[in-house]
């Protein structure tokens, strides 16, 4: 799997969310640079698991929709005499 690379804007939003969380929950002040390294670490070490779960969730939705389409096709099937 290719490396997970976040868009700059998305990463900036995550940095601020994590900094706020660390500050509020642990009274820990972390700099943006340190938090960016944390995000990179999490993406590298855990990203594949989240990515795979997203794929499985998407596959379940698509499979369900394909089943609905299949059922709809059978409903309009004409009898052959």
PDB file of N, CA and C in Angstrom:
ATOM      1  N   UNK A   1       0.847  -1.177   0.000  1.00  0.00           N
ATOM      2  CA  UNK A   1       0.000   0.000   0.000  1.00  0.00           C
ATOM      3  C   UNK A   1       0.887   1.233   0.000  1.00  0.00           C
ATOM      4  N   UNK A   2       0.529   2.219  -0.810  1.00  0.00           N
ATOM      5  CA  UNK A   2       1.315   3.454  -0.804  1.00  0.00           C
ATOM      6  C   UNK A   2       1.206   4.180   0.533  1.00  0.00           C
ATOM      7  N   UNK A   3       2.184   5.003   0.776  1.00  0.00           N
ATOM      8  CA  UNK A   3       2.199   5.793   2.015  1.00  0.00           C
ATOM      9  C   UNK A   3       0.976   6.702   2.066  1.00  0.00           C
ATOM     10  N   UNK A   4       0.416   6.840   3.250  1.00  0.00           N
ATOM     11  CA  UNK A   4      -0.730   7.732   3.435  1.00  0.00           C
ATOM     12  C   UNK A   4      -0.196   9.151   3.559  1.00  0.00           C
ATOM     13  N   UNK A   5      -0.644  10.014   2.649  1.00  0.00           N
ATOM     14  CA  UNK A   5      -0.215  11.406   2.656  1.00  0.00           C
ATOM     15  C   UNK A   5      -1.468  12.273   2.777  1.00  0.00           C
ATOM     16  N   UNK A   6      -1.500  13.070   3.820  1.00  0.00           N
ATOM     17  CA  UNK A   6      -2.649  13.949   4.043  1.00  0.00           C
ATOM     18  C   UNK A   6      -2.414  15.288   3.357  1.00  0.00           C
ATOM     19  N   UNK A   7      -3.492  15.881   2.864  1.00  0.00           N
ATOM     20  CA  UNK A   7      -3.401  17.224   2.296  1.00  0.00           C
ATOM     21  C   UNK A   7      -2.968  18.186   3.392  1.00  0.00           C
ATOM     22  N   UNK A   8      -2.264  19.230   2.992  1.00  0.00           N
ATOM     23  CA  UNK A   8      -1.713  20.190   3.950  1.00  0.00           C
ATOM     24  C   UNK A   8      -2.795  20.786   4.850  1.00  0.00           C
ATOM     25  N   UNK A   9      -3.916  21.171   4.242  1.00  0.00           N
ATOM     26  CA  UNK A   9      -5.005  21.781   5.007  1.00  0.00           C
ATOM     27  C   UNK A   9      -5.592  20.783   6.007  1.00  0.00           C
ATOM     28  N   UNK A  10      -5.774  19.529   5.565  1.00  0.00           N
ATOM     29  CA  UNK A  10      -6.340  18.506   6.446  1.00  0.00           C
ATOM     30  C   UNK A  10      -5.395  18.223   7.612  1.00  0.00           C
ATOM     31  N   UNK A  11      -4.106  18.168   7.308  1.00  0.00           N
ATOM     32  CA  UNK A  11      -3.124  17.903   8.356  1.00  0.00           C
ATOM     33  C   UNK A  11      -3.105  19.052   9.366  1.00  0.00           C
ATOM     34  N   UNK A  12      -3.222  20.281   8.901  1.00  0.00           N
ATOM     35  CA  UNK A  12      -3.249  21.441   9.799  1.00  0.00           C
ATOM     36  C   UNK A  12      -4.433  21.376  10.755  1.00  0.00           C
ATOM     37  N   UNK A  13      -5.584  20.976  10.231  1.00  0.00           N
ATOM     38  CA  UNK A  13      -6.778  20.835  11.069  1.00  0.00           C
ATOM     39  C   UNK A  13      -6.544  19.757  12.123  1.00  0.00           C
ATOM     40  N   UNK A  14      -5.963  18.634  11.712  1.00  0.00           N
ATOM     41  CA  UNK A  14      -5.684  17.550  12.659  1.00  0.00           C
ATOM     42  C   UNK A  14      -4.684  17.977  13.724  1.00  0.00           C
ATOM     43  N   UNK A  15      -3.662  18.724  13.318  1.00  0.00           N
ATOM     44  CA  UNK A  15      -2.666  19.211  14.275  1.00  0.00           C
ATOM     45  C   UNK A  15      -3.355  20.024  15.365  1.00  0.00           C
ATOM     46  N   UNK A  16      -4.213  20.940  14.968  1.00  0.00           N
ATOM     47  CA  UNK A  16      -4.889  21.786  15.955  1.00  0.00           C
ATOM     48  C   UNK A  16      -5.825  20.969  16.845  1.00  0.00           C
ATOM     49  N   UNK A  17      -6.521  19.993  16.274  1.00  0.00           N
ATOM     50  CA  UNK A  17      -7.414  19.154  17.082  1.00  0.00           C
ATOM     51  C   UNK A  17      -6.626  18.348  18.109  1.00  0.00           C
ATOM     52  N   UNK A  18      -5.508  17.783  17.695  1.00  0.00           N
ATOM     53  CA  UNK A  18      -4.692  16.981  18.611  1.00  0.00           C
ATOM     54  C   UNK A  18      -4.055  17.861  19.677  1.00  0.00           C
ATOM     55  N   UNK A  19      -3.564  19.027  19.284  1.00  0.00           N
ATOM     56  CA  UNK A  19      -2.976  19.948  20.279  1.00  0.00           C
ATOM     57  C   UNK A  19      -4.013  20.318  21.328  1.00  0.00           C
ATOM     58  N   UNK A  20      -5.231  20.626  20.870  1.00  0.00           N
ATOM     59  CA  UNK A  20      -6.308  20.985  21.799  1.00  0.00           C
ATOM     60  C   UNK A  20      -6.643  19.810  22.712  1.00  0.00           C
ATOM     61  N   UNK A  21      -6.734  18.621  22.158  1.00  0.00           N
ATOM     62  CA  UNK A  21      -7.044  17.430  22.941  1.00  0.00           C
ATOM     63  C   UNK A  21      -5.978  17.184  24.000  1.00  0.00           C
ATOM     64  N   UNK A  22      -4.712  17.237  23.611  1.00  0.00           N
ATOM     65  CA  UNK A  22      -3.623  17.012  24.564  1.00  0.00           C
ATOM     66  C   UNK A  22      -3.642  18.047  25.684  1.00  0.00           C
ATOM     67  N   UNK A  23      -3.956  19.277  25.317  1.00  0.00           N
ATOM     68  CA  UNK A  23      -3.996  20.350  26.299  1.00  0.00           C
ATOM     69  C   UNK A  23      -5.154  20.163  27.286  1.00  0.00           C
ATOM     70  N   UNK A  24      -6.327  19.888  26.762  1.00  0.00           N
ATOM     71  CA  UNK A  24      -7.518  19.774  27.610  1.00  0.00           C
ATOM     72  C   UNK A  24      -7.544  18.496  28.438  1.00  0.00           C
ATOM     73  N   UNK A  25      -7.139  17.389  27.846  1.00  0.00           N
ATOM     74  CA  UNK A  25      -7.251  16.099  28.523  1.00  0.00           C
ATOM     75  C   UNK A  25      -6.049  15.757  29.400  1.00  0.00           C
ATOM     76  N   UNK A  26      -4.864  16.233  29.011  1.00  0.00           N
ATOM     77  CA  UNK A  26      -3.650  15.841  29.727  1.00  0.00           C
ATOM     78  C   UNK A  26      -2.840  17.016  30.247  1.00  0.00           C
ATOM     79  N   UNK A  27      -3.363  18.228  30.024  1.00  0.00           N
ATOM     80  CA  UNK A  27      -2.636  19.430  30.417  1.00  0.00           C
ATOM     81  C   UNK A  27      -1.216  19.408  29.847  1.00  0.00           C
ATOM     82  N   UNK A  28      -1.118  18.999  28.595  1.00  0.00           N
ATOM     83  CA  UNK A  28       0.164  18.847  27.915  1.00  0.00           C
ATOM     84  C   UNK A  28       0.204  19.792  26.726  1.00  0.00           C
ATOM     85  N   UNK A  29       1.184  20.642  26.703  1.00  0.00           N
ATOM     86  CA  UNK A  29       1.347  21.565  25.579  1.00  0.00           C
ATOM     87  C   UNK A  29       2.328  20.958  24.586  1.00  0.00           C
ATOM     88  N   UNK A  30       1.865  20.683  23.375  1.00  0.00           N
ATOM     89  CA  UNK A  30       2.708  20.120  22.330  1.00  0.00           C
ATOM     90  C   UNK A  30       2.770  21.096  21.171  1.00  0.00           C
ATOM     91  N   UNK A  31       3.935  21.220  20.591  1.00  0.00           N
ATOM     92  CA  UNK A  31       4.104  22.095  19.442  1.00  0.00           C
ATOM     93  C   UNK A  31       3.579  21.446  18.176  1.00  0.00           C
ATOM     94  N   UNK A  32       3.319  22.274  17.197  1.00  0.00           N
ATOM     95  CA  UNK A  32       2.800  21.776  15.932  1.00  0.00           C
ATOM     96  C   UNK A  32       3.741  20.791  15.262  1.00  0.00           C
ATOM     97  N   UNK A  33       5.036  21.047  15.362  1.00  0.00           N
ATOM     98  CA  UNK A  33       6.036  20.176  14.759  1.00  0.00           C
ATOM     99  C   UNK A  33       5.975  18.773  15.359  1.00  0.00           C
ATOM    100  N   UNK A  34       5.898  18.695  16.673  1.00  0.00           N
ATOM    101  CA  UNK A  34       5.823  17.411  17.355  1.00  0.00           C
ATOM    102  C   UNK A  34       4.531  16.664  17.000  1.00  0.00           C
ATOM    103  N   UNK A  35       3.439  17.405  16.931  1.00  0.00           N
ATOM    104  CA  UNK A  35       2.155  16.787  16.621  1.00  0.00           C
ATOM    105  C   UNK A  35       2.149  16.287  15.174  1.00  0.00           C
ATOM    106  N   UNK A  36       2.789  17.007  14.263  1.00  0.00           N
ATOM    107  CA  UNK A  36       2.884  16.528  12.884  1.00  0.00           C
ATOM    108  C   UNK A  36       3.622  15.191  12.829  1.00  0.00           C
ATOM    109  N   UNK A  37       4.695  15.057  13.607  1.00  0.00           N
ATOM    110  CA  UNK A  37       5.411  13.787  13.665  1.00  0.00           C
ATOM    111  C   UNK A  37       4.523  12.687  14.236  1.00  0.00           C
ATOM    112  N   UNK A  38       3.704  13.020  15.229  1.00  0.00           N
ATOM    113  CA  UNK A  38       2.769  12.052  15.793  1.00  0.00           C
ATOM    114  C   UNK A  38       1.767  11.599  14.733  1.00  0.00           C
ATOM    115  N   UNK A  39       1.231  12.545  13.988  1.00  0.00           N
ATOM    116  CA  UNK A  39       0.276  12.210  12.927  1.00  0.00           C
ATOM    117  C   UNK A  39       0.938  11.308  11.891  1.00  0.00           C
ATOM    118  N   UNK A  40       2.153  11.636  11.490  1.00  0.00           N
ATOM    119  CA  UNK A  40       2.867  10.798  10.519  1.00  0.00           C
ATOM    120  C   UNK A  40       3.074   9.394  11.064  1.00  0.00           C
ATOM    121  N   UNK A  41       3.428   9.287  12.348  1.00  0.00           N
ATOM    122  CA  UNK A  41       3.619   7.988  12.984  1.00  0.00           C
ATOM    123  C   UNK A  41       2.312   7.192  12.984  1.00  0.00           C
ATOM    124  N   UNK A  42       1.225   7.833  13.397  1.00  0.00           N
ATOM    125  CA  UNK A  42      -0.065   7.147  13.443  1.00  0.00           C
ATOM    126  C   UNK A  42      -0.504   6.702  12.054  1.00  0.00           C
ATOM    127  N   UNK A  43      -0.291   7.557  11.066  1.00  0.00           N
ATOM    128  CA  UNK A  43      -0.659   7.196   9.695  1.00  0.00           C
ATOM    129  C   UNK A  43       0.161   5.996   9.225  1.00  0.00           C
ATOM    130  N   UNK A  44       1.436   5.995   9.519  1.00  0.00           N
ATOM    131  CA  UNK A  44       2.332   4.918   9.097  1.00  0.00           C
ATOM    132  C   UNK A  44       2.015   3.605   9.823  1.00  0.00           C
ATOM    133  N   UNK A  45       1.802   3.674  11.132  1.00  0.00           N
ATOM    134  CA  UNK A  45       1.638   2.473  11.933  1.00  0.00           C
ATOM    135  C   UNK A  45       0.200   1.961  12.009  1.00  0.00           C
ATOM    136  N   UNK A  46      -0.778   2.856  11.900  1.00  0.00           N
ATOM    137  CA  UNK A  46      -2.165   2.450  12.089  1.00  0.00           C
ATOM    138  C   UNK A  46      -3.053   2.754  10.893  1.00  0.00           C
ATOM    139  N   UNK A  47      -2.550   3.548   9.981  1.00  0.00           N
ATOM    140  CA  UNK A  47      -3.359   3.984   8.845  1.00  0.00           C
ATOM    141  C   UNK A  47      -3.921   2.849   8.019  1.00  0.00           C
ATOM    142  N   UNK A  48      -3.122   1.809   7.797  1.00  0.00           N
ATOM    143  CA  UNK A  48      -3.587   0.689   6.975  1.00  0.00           C
ATOM    144  C   UNK A  48      -4.815   0.022   7.584  1.00  0.00           C
ATOM    145  N   UNK A  49      -4.850  -0.091   8.902  1.00  0.00           N
ATOM    146  CA  UNK A  49      -6.007  -0.697   9.556  1.00  0.00           C
ATOM    147  C   UNK A  49      -7.276   0.116   9.347  1.00  0.00           C
ATOM    148  N   UNK A  50      -7.167   1.438   9.490  1.00  0.00           N
ATOM    149  CA  UNK A  50      -8.325   2.312   9.255  1.00  0.00           C
ATOM    150  C   UNK A  50      -8.730   2.289   7.785  1.00  0.00           C
ATOM    151  N   UNK A  51      -7.746   2.306   6.913  1.00  0.00           N
ATOM    152  CA  UNK A  51      -7.988   2.261   5.468  1.00  0.00           C
ATOM    153  C   UNK A  51      -8.729   0.981   5.098  1.00  0.00           C
ATOM    154  N   UNK A  52      -8.219  -0.159   5.606  1.00  0.00           N
ATOM    155  CA  UNK A  52      -8.858  -1.438   5.301  1.00  0.00           C
ATOM    156  C   UNK A  52     -10.280  -1.501   5.830  1.00  0.00           C
ATOM    157  N   UNK A  53     -10.520  -0.948   7.021  1.00  0.00           N
ATOM    158  CA  UNK A  53     -11.873  -0.931   7.563  1.00  0.00           C
ATOM    159  C   UNK A  53     -12.789  -0.105   6.670  1.00  0.00           C
ATOM    160  N   UNK A  54     -12.282   1.010   6.166  1.00  0.00           N
ATOM    161  CA  UNK A  54     -13.059   1.837   5.234  1.00  0.00           C
ATOM    162  C   UNK A  54     -13.406   1.070   3.965  1.00  0.00           C
ATOM    163  N   UNK A  55     -12.439   0.302   3.456  1.00  0.00           N
ATOM    164  CA  UNK A  55     -12.705  -0.513   2.272  1.00  0.00           C
ATOM    165  C   UNK A  55     -13.785  -1.559   2.548  1.00  0.00           C
ATOM    166  N   UNK A  56     -13.694  -2.226   3.697  1.00  0.00           N
ATOM    167  CA  UNK A  56     -14.697  -3.240   4.049  1.00  0.00           C
ATOM    168  C   UNK A  56     -16.080  -2.609   4.210  1.00  0.00           C
ATOM    169  N   UNK A  57     -16.141  -1.435   4.817  1.00  0.00           N
ATOM    170  CA  UNK A  57     -17.422  -0.739   4.975  1.00  0.00           C
ATOM    171  C   UNK A  57     -17.998  -0.355   3.605  1.00  0.00           C
ATOM    172  N   UNK A  58     -17.138   0.144   2.715  1.00  0.00           N
ATOM    173  CA  UNK A  58     -17.586   0.526   1.375  1.00  0.00           C
ATOM    174  C   UNK A  58     -18.059  -0.705   0.606  1.00  0.00           C
ATOM    175  N   UNK A  59     -17.329  -1.801   0.724  1.00  0.00           N
ATOM    176  CA  UNK A  59     -17.714  -3.033   0.036  1.00  0.00           C
ATOM    177  C   UNK A  59     -19.076  -3.532   0.518  1.00  0.00           C
ATOM    178  N   UNK A  60     -19.334  -3.439   1.811  1.00  0.00           N
ATOM    179  CA  UNK A  60     -20.624  -3.868   2.354  1.00  0.00           C
ATOM    180  C   UNK A  60     -21.759  -3.025   1.772  1.00  0.00           C
ATOM    181  N   UNK A  61     -21.534  -1.731   1.650  1.00  0.00           N
ATOM    182  CA  UNK A  61     -22.563  -0.850   1.084  1.00  0.00           C
ATOM    183  C   UNK A  61     -22.806  -1.172  -0.378  1.00  0.00           C
ATOM    184  N   UNK A  62     -21.729  -1.310  -1.149  1.00  0.00           N
ATOM    185  CA  UNK A  62     -21.858  -1.609  -2.572  1.00  0.00           C
ATOM    186  C   UNK A  62     -22.534  -2.972  -2.769  1.00  0.00           C
ATOM    187  N   UNK A  63     -22.153  -3.964  -1.988  1.00  0.00           N
ATOM    188  CA  UNK A  63     -22.768  -5.291  -2.092  1.00  0.00           C
ATOM    189  C   UNK A  63     -24.264  -5.228  -1.812  1.00  0.00           C
ATOM    190  N   UNK A  64     -24.638  -4.463  -0.813  1.00  0.00           N
ATOM    191  CA  UNK A  64     -26.054  -4.308  -0.480  1.00  0.00           C
ATOM    192  C   UNK A  64     -26.819  -3.652  -1.628  1.00  0.00           C
ATOM    193  N   UNK A  65     -26.227  -2.615  -2.204  1.00  0.00           N
ATOM    194  CA  UNK A  65     -26.882  -1.916  -3.317  1.00  0.00           C
ATOM    195  C   UNK A  65     -26.982  -2.823  -4.541  1.00  0.00           C
ATOM    196  N   UNK A  66     -25.943  -3.630  -4.802  1.00  0.00           N
ATOM    197  CA  UNK A  66     -25.993  -4.551  -5.940  1.00  0.00           C
ATOM    198  C   UNK A  66     -27.075  -5.602  -5.739  1.00  0.00           C
ATOM    199  N   UNK A  67     -27.248  -6.041  -4.511  1.00  0.00           N
ATOM    200  CA  UNK A  67     -28.314  -6.996  -4.218  1.00  0.00           C
ATOM    201  C   UNK A  67     -29.678  -6.360  -4.468  1.00  0.00           C
ATOM    202  N   UNK A  68     -29.829  -5.085  -4.071  1.00  0.00           N
ATOM    203  CA  UNK A  68     -31.089  -4.374  -4.326  1.00  0.00           C
ATOM    204  C   UNK A  68     -31.357  -4.268  -5.821  1.00  0.00           C
ATOM    205  N   UNK A  69     -30.324  -3.973  -6.601  1.00  0.00           N
ATOM    206  CA  UNK A  69     -30.477  -3.859  -8.055  1.00  0.00           C
ATOM    207  C   UNK A  69     -30.851  -5.206  -8.652  1.00  0.00           C
ATOM    208  N   UNK A  70     -30.179  -6.252  -8.186  1.00  0.00           N
ATOM    209  CA  UNK A  70     -30.484  -7.596  -8.671  1.00  0.00           C
ATOM    210  C   UNK A  70     -31.935  -7.957  -8.391  1.00  0.00           C
ATOM    211  N   UNK A  71     -32.405  -7.668  -7.175  1.00  0.00           N
ATOM    212  CA  UNK A  71     -33.805  -7.940  -6.817  1.00  0.00           C
ATOM    213  C   UNK A  71     -34.758  -7.148  -7.705  1.00  0.00           C
ATOM    214  N   UNK A  72     -34.434  -5.889  -7.974  1.00  0.00           N
ATOM    215  CA  UNK A  72     -35.292  -5.046  -8.811  1.00  0.00           C
ATOM    216  C   UNK A  72     -35.360  -5.589 -10.237  1.00  0.00           C
ATOM    217  N   UNK A  73     -34.254  -6.108 -10.726  1.00  0.00           N
ATOM    218  CA  UNK A  73     -34.249  -6.676 -12.082  1.00  0.00           C
ATOM    219  C   UNK A  73     -35.132  -7.922 -12.138  1.00  0.00           C
ATOM    220  N   UNK A  74     -35.022  -8.783 -11.130  1.00  0.00           N
ATOM    221  CA  UNK A  74     -35.863  -9.973 -11.103  1.00  0.00           C
ATOM    222  C   UNK A  74     -37.336  -9.625 -10.987  1.00  0.00           C
ATOM    223  N   UNK A  75     -37.650  -8.534 -10.305  1.00  0.00           N
ATOM    224  CA  UNK A  75     -39.058  -8.125 -10.162  1.00  0.00           C
ATOM    225  C   UNK A  75     -39.682  -7.718 -11.495  1.00  0.00           C
ATOM    226  N   UNK A  76     -38.900  -7.168 -12.386  1.00  0.00           N
ATOM    227  CA  UNK A  76     -39.473  -6.712 -13.685  1.00  0.00           C
ATOM    228  C   UNK A  76     -39.294  -7.742 -14.790  1.00  0.00           C
ATOM    229  N   UNK A  77     -38.730  -8.894 -14.437  1.00  0.00           N
ATOM    230  CA  UNK A  77     -38.546  -9.936 -15.423  1.00  0.00           C
ATOM    231  C   UNK A  77     -39.912 -10.414 -15.917  1.00  0.00           C
ATOM    232  N   UNK A  78     -40.011 -10.619 -17.202  1.00  0.00           N
ATOM    233  CA  UNK A  78     -41.251 -11.066 -17.828  1.00  0.00           C
ATOM    234  C   UNK A  78     -41.273 -12.591 -17.919  1.00  0.00           C
ATOM    235  N   UNK A  79     -42.442 -13.194 -17.716  1.00  0.00           N
ATOM    236  CA  UNK A  79     -42.523 -14.660 -17.828  1.00  0.00           C
ATOM    237  C   UNK A  79     -42.356 -15.093 -19.291  1.00  0.00           C
ATOM    238  N   UNK A  80     -41.736 -16.229 -19.447  1.00  0.00           N
ATOM    239  CA  UNK A  80     -41.551 -16.794 -20.777  1.00  0.00           C
ATOM    240  C   UNK A  80     -42.512 -17.956 -20.925  1.00  0.00           C
ATOM    241  N   UNK A  81     -43.347 -17.916 -21.973  1.00  0.00           N
ATOM    242  CA  UNK A  81     -44.358 -18.976 -22.206  1.00  0.00           C
ATOM    243  C   UNK A  81     -43.807 -20.062 -23.070  1.00  0.00           C
TER     244      UNK A  81
END
